[in-house]
Amino acid sequence: MDFSAKTILITGASSGIGRALAKALVSKGARVVGLCRNISNLPESVEPLECDLSDAAGIAAAFSRLVKLEGFDGLDALVNSAGIALSSPVSTGDPADWEKMWQVNVQGLSDCSQRALAFFPNGEGQLINVSSMSGHRVPPSGGFYAATKFAVRAVTEALRGELRAGGKRTRVATISPGFVDTPLLDIYFKGRENQLEKTRGSMEMLTADDVARSIIHILETPLHIEITDIQLRSSDQVG
């Protein structure tokens, strides 16, 4: 892929994996639009599109602003990187936490995906959803967060099937990392800092840049190849 001719929309581009990916794509010459709440933390040269992904009306308004960006003539890819990770068990967790995660991790992701498809060229383009190893197996503390990541896989597969049935060639993928040392992890382990310290001490965790490189690999794959899912984790991570 010649990134200098591509426009890529990244949700959650102000932090973690999304921010690392935005920086990498800008360095390769891509036009990158970052859709997020904290636009002040976007990397240099990333075009800001302020939006709270838990707000459906806000998403609609953001896409209305997207088409008004100077020189905008469509999208080549969408990377849904925004996500919320709260430690909230199904048996004892706060349903308000479940709703927050569902709104962003599943509802917001699906909404952005549907809207972005209208701007893909000739029914092609690429859509990549950042999922998690928690969407493949439920770890002991997975709780409702794992449920949202299983849902991301289901949404991705549903979308792929619908697009193929409609004769579209849009490629759809998920990337499922294990532990990634980003601010999301600190939020997930809030109140369990000792456990997080032990986890960090037990392995060399993935970095946001590690995951960004794998996303770029998906974007660079030749058109006749569709990567369905990449699972990656630290070689020290057991589960």
Protein backbone atom coordinates (compact mmCIF):
# COMPACT_ATOMS: atom_id res chain seq x y z
CA MET A 1 0.00 0.00 0.00
CA ASP A 2 1.22 3.45 -0.91
CA PHE A 3 0.12 5.22 2.24
CA SER A 4 0.81 8.65 0.75
CA ALA A 5 -2.38 8.27 -1.29
CA LYS A 6 -4.56 6.96 1.54
CA THR A 7 -6.93 8.48 4.09
CA ILE A 8 -7.33 6.47 7.27
CA LEU A 9 -9.73 7.14 10.13
CA ILE A 10 -8.66 5.91 13.57
CA THR A 11 -10.93 5.92 16.61
CA GLY A 12 -9.20 6.32 19.96
CA ALA A 13 -6.21 7.95 18.25
CA SER A 14 -5.23 10.06 21.26
CA SER A 15 -3.97 7.22 23.44
CA GLY A 16 -2.46 3.76 23.48
CA ILE A 17 -2.60 1.61 20.37
CA GLY A 18 -4.57 4.16 18.37
CA ARG A 19 -2.06 6.91 19.04
CA ALA A 20 0.92 4.71 18.20
CA LEU A 21 -0.77 3.67 14.95
CA ALA A 22 -1.62 7.26 14.03
CA LYS A 23 2.01 8.33 14.49
CA ALA A 24 3.29 5.41 12.42
CA LEU A 25 0.87 6.04 9.56
CA VAL A 26 1.63 9.75 9.47
CA SER A 27 5.34 8.89 9.20
CA LYS A 28 4.48 6.75 6.16
CA GLY A 29 2.71 9.67 4.50
CA ALA A 30 -0.92 8.74 5.13
CA ARG A 31 -3.62 11.29 5.79
CA VAL A 32 -4.83 10.32 9.26
CA VAL A 33 -8.01 11.54 10.93
CA GLY A 34 -8.25 10.87 14.65
CA LEU A 35 -11.71 10.44 16.12
CA CYS A 36 -11.54 10.72 19.91
CA ARG A 37 -12.54 12.77 22.93
CA ASN A 38 -9.10 14.13 23.86
CA ILE A 39 -8.05 15.77 20.59
CA SER A 40 -5.36 17.79 22.39
CA ASN A 41 -3.36 14.56 22.78
CA LEU A 42 -3.39 13.61 19.09
CA PRO A 43 0.02 13.16 17.42
CA GLU A 44 1.30 15.93 15.20
CA SER A 45 -0.28 16.11 11.72
CA VAL A 46 -3.27 13.98 12.71
CA GLU A 47 -6.50 15.80 11.81
CA PRO A 48 -8.80 16.07 14.86
CA LEU A 49 -12.39 14.88 14.90
CA GLU A 50 -13.73 15.29 18.42
CA CYS A 51 -16.27 12.70 19.48
CA ASP A 52 -17.51 10.74 22.48
CA LEU A 53 -18.04 7.22 21.17
CA SER A 54 -20.59 6.47 23.86
CA ASP A 55 -22.88 9.09 22.30
CA ALA A 56 -24.71 8.00 19.14
CA ALA A 57 -25.69 11.57 18.27
CA GLY A 58 -22.07 12.62 18.72
CA ILE A 59 -20.89 9.94 16.31
CA ALA A 60 -23.40 11.08 13.70
CA ALA A 61 -22.26 14.68 14.12
CA ALA A 62 -18.60 13.69 13.84
CA PHE A 63 -19.15 11.92 10.53
CA SER A 64 -21.04 14.97 9.29
CA ARG A 65 -17.93 17.03 10.08
CA LEU A 66 -15.69 14.42 8.47
CA VAL A 67 -17.10 15.04 5.00
CA LYS A 68 -16.47 18.77 5.41
CA LEU A 69 -12.73 18.40 6.01
CA GLU A 70 -10.71 20.21 3.37
CA GLY A 71 -9.93 17.95 0.44
CA PHE A 72 -11.82 14.96 1.87
CA ASP A 73 -12.92 12.57 -0.85
CA GLY A 74 -13.43 9.30 1.00
CA LEU A 75 -11.79 6.76 3.30
CA ASP A 76 -9.44 3.93 2.47
CA ALA A 77 -9.54 2.37 5.93
CA LEU A 78 -11.12 2.58 9.36
CA VAL A 79 -9.33 1.26 12.44
CA ASN A 80 -11.61 0.95 15.46
CA SER A 81 -9.07 1.26 18.27
CA ALA A 82 -11.15 3.05 20.91
CA GLY A 83 -12.13 0.94 23.87
CA ILE A 84 -12.92 0.90 27.58
CA ALA A 85 -11.65 -1.79 29.94
CA LEU A 86 -13.19 -1.89 33.40
CA SER A 87 -12.85 -4.75 35.85
CA SER A 88 -16.51 -5.62 36.36
CA PRO A 89 -17.55 -9.24 37.04
CA VAL A 90 -20.86 -10.52 35.73
CA SER A 91 -21.84 -11.86 39.16
CA THR A 92 -21.03 -8.78 41.24
CA GLY A 93 -20.15 -5.93 38.86
CA ASP A 94 -21.93 -2.62 38.42
CA PRO A 95 -24.32 -2.69 35.42
CA ALA A 96 -23.40 0.95 34.80
CA ASP A 97 -19.84 -0.23 34.04
CA TRP A 98 -21.20 -2.89 31.69
CA GLU A 99 -23.18 -0.23 29.82
CA LYS A 100 -20.12 2.04 29.46
CA MET A 101 -18.07 -0.77 27.96
CA TRP A 102 -20.87 -1.96 25.70
CA GLN A 103 -21.58 1.53 24.36
CA VAL A 104 -17.97 2.14 23.29
CA ASN A 105 -16.55 -1.33 22.63
CA VAL A 106 -19.52 -2.68 20.70
CA GLN A 107 -22.18 -0.09 19.91
CA GLY A 108 -19.80 2.74 19.05
CA LEU A 109 -17.54 0.43 17.05
CA SER A 110 -20.50 -0.89 15.06
CA ASP A 111 -21.91 2.60 14.46
CA CYS A 112 -18.57 3.92 13.18
CA SER A 113 -18.14 0.87 10.97
CA GLN A 114 -21.53 1.29 9.34
CA ARG A 115 -20.99 4.99 8.71
CA ALA A 116 -17.45 4.56 7.38
CA LEU A 117 -18.56 2.02 4.77
CA ALA A 118 -20.39 4.79 2.91
CA PHE A 119 -17.03 6.48 2.27
CA PHE A 120 -15.05 3.45 1.12
CA PRO A 121 -14.08 3.45 -2.60
CA ASN A 122 -16.07 1.19 -4.93
CA GLY A 123 -17.18 -1.14 -2.17
CA GLU A 124 -13.58 -1.88 -1.20
CA GLY A 125 -11.40 -0.42 1.57
CA GLN A 126 -10.37 -2.00 4.85
CA LEU A 127 -11.91 -2.14 8.31
CA ILE A 128 -9.86 -3.31 11.30
CA ASN A 129 -11.29 -3.80 14.77
CA VAL A 130 -8.97 -3.88 17.76
CA SER A 131 -10.26 -6.72 19.91
CA SER A 132 -8.40 -8.65 22.61
CA MET A 133 -7.28 -12.11 23.61
CA SER A 134 -10.16 -11.75 26.07
CA GLY A 135 -12.41 -12.16 23.03
CA HIS A 136 -11.04 -15.67 22.46
CA ARG A 137 -11.01 -17.02 26.00
CA VAL A 138 -12.30 -15.61 29.26
CA PRO A 139 -9.49 -15.03 31.78
CA PRO A 140 -10.31 -15.30 35.52
CA SER A 141 -10.87 -11.55 35.81
CA GLY A 142 -12.38 -11.13 32.33
CA GLY A 143 -15.88 -10.34 33.47
CA PHE A 144 -18.10 -8.23 31.23
CA TYR A 145 -15.10 -6.78 29.38
CA ALA A 146 -14.50 -10.21 27.84
CA ALA A 147 -18.15 -10.34 26.81
CA THR A 148 -17.76 -7.10 24.84
CA LYS A 149 -14.67 -8.44 23.08
CA PHE A 150 -16.43 -11.67 22.11
CA ALA A 151 -19.12 -9.39 20.71
CA VAL A 152 -16.53 -7.51 18.65
CA ARG A 153 -15.56 -10.79 16.99
CA ALA A 154 -19.21 -11.55 16.28
CA VAL A 155 -19.80 -8.08 14.82
CA THR A 156 -16.72 -8.46 12.62
CA GLU A 157 -17.81 -11.85 11.28
CA ALA A 158 -21.37 -10.62 10.72
CA LEU A 159 -20.09 -7.63 8.79
CA ARG A 160 -17.78 -9.74 6.64
CA GLY A 161 -20.62 -12.10 5.72
CA GLU A 162 -23.01 -9.26 4.93
CA LEU A 163 -20.48 -7.49 2.73
CA ARG A 164 -19.66 -10.62 0.77
CA ALA A 165 -23.35 -11.38 0.30
CA GLY A 166 -23.74 -7.86 -1.08
CA GLY A 167 -20.89 -8.29 -3.54
CA LYS A 168 -18.57 -5.93 -1.64
CA ARG A 169 -14.82 -6.52 -1.51
CA THR A 170 -14.20 -4.60 1.71
CA ARG A 171 -11.72 -6.54 3.82
CA VAL A 172 -12.55 -6.89 7.51
CA ALA A 173 -10.16 -7.97 10.24
CA THR A 174 -9.69 -8.08 13.98
CA ILE A 175 -6.45 -7.90 15.89
CA SER A 176 -6.46 -9.50 19.33
CA PRO A 177 -3.54 -8.56 21.59
CA GLY A 178 -2.83 -9.91 25.06
CA PHE A 179 -1.47 -7.60 27.74
CA VAL A 180 -0.40 -4.27 26.19
CA ASP A 181 1.29 -1.75 28.47
CA THR A 182 -0.96 1.27 27.85
CA PRO A 183 -3.06 3.57 30.08
CA LEU A 184 -6.02 1.21 29.46
CA LEU A 185 -4.28 -1.38 31.61
CA ASP A 186 -3.95 1.03 34.54
CA ILE A 187 -7.69 1.70 34.38
CA TYR A 188 -8.52 -2.01 34.20
CA PHE A 189 -6.39 -2.76 37.28
CA LYS A 190 -7.60 0.25 39.28
CA GLY A 191 -7.78 -0.80 42.92
CA ARG A 192 -5.64 -3.85 42.16
CA GLU A 193 -2.33 -2.05 41.65
CA ASN A 194 -0.36 -4.79 43.43
CA GLN A 195 -1.72 -7.35 40.97
CA LEU A 196 -0.76 -5.12 38.05
CA GLU A 197 2.75 -4.72 39.44
CA LYS A 198 3.10 -8.50 39.69
CA THR A 199 1.77 -8.93 36.16
CA ARG A 200 4.22 -6.39 34.76
CA GLY A 201 7.03 -8.06 36.67
CA SER A 202 6.17 -11.48 35.27
CA MET A 203 6.51 -10.62 31.58
CA GLU A 204 7.77 -8.23 28.98
CA MET A 205 4.41 -6.89 27.86
CA LEU A 206 3.52 -5.87 24.35
CA THR A 207 3.85 -2.18 23.57
CA ALA A 208 1.39 -0.07 21.62
CA ASP A 209 4.01 0.11 18.85
CA ASP A 210 4.09 -3.71 18.66
CA VAL A 211 0.37 -3.81 17.95
CA ALA A 212 0.54 -0.86 15.56
CA ARG A 213 3.11 -2.72 13.45
CA SER A 214 0.76 -5.69 13.16
CA ILE A 215 -2.12 -3.43 12.11
CA ILE A 216 0.07 -1.89 9.42
CA HIS A 217 0.89 -5.43 8.26
CA ILE A 218 -2.85 -6.01 7.75
CA LEU A 219 -3.19 -2.74 5.85
CA GLU A 220 -0.25 -3.61 3.59
CA THR A 221 -1.53 -7.07 2.67
CA PRO A 222 -2.18 -7.54 -1.09
CA LEU A 223 -5.78 -7.13 -2.21
CA HIS A 224 -6.32 -10.85 -2.90
CA ILE A 225 -5.55 -11.70 0.75
CA GLU A 226 -7.86 -11.09 3.69
CA ILE A 227 -6.43 -11.51 7.18
CA THR A 228 -9.26 -12.55 9.47
CA ASP A 229 -7.64 -12.19 12.87
CA ILE A 230 -4.17 -11.73 14.31
CA GLN A 231 -3.64 -12.94 17.85
CA LEU A 232 -0.49 -11.70 19.53
CA ARG A 233 0.80 -11.70 23.06
CA SER A 234 4.02 -11.50 24.98
CA SER A 235 6.05 -14.67 24.66
CA ASP A 236 6.05 -14.62 28.48
CA GLN A 237 2.24 -14.58 28.73
CA VAL A 238 0.90 -18.01 29.55
CA GLY A 239 -2.85 -17.59 29.10
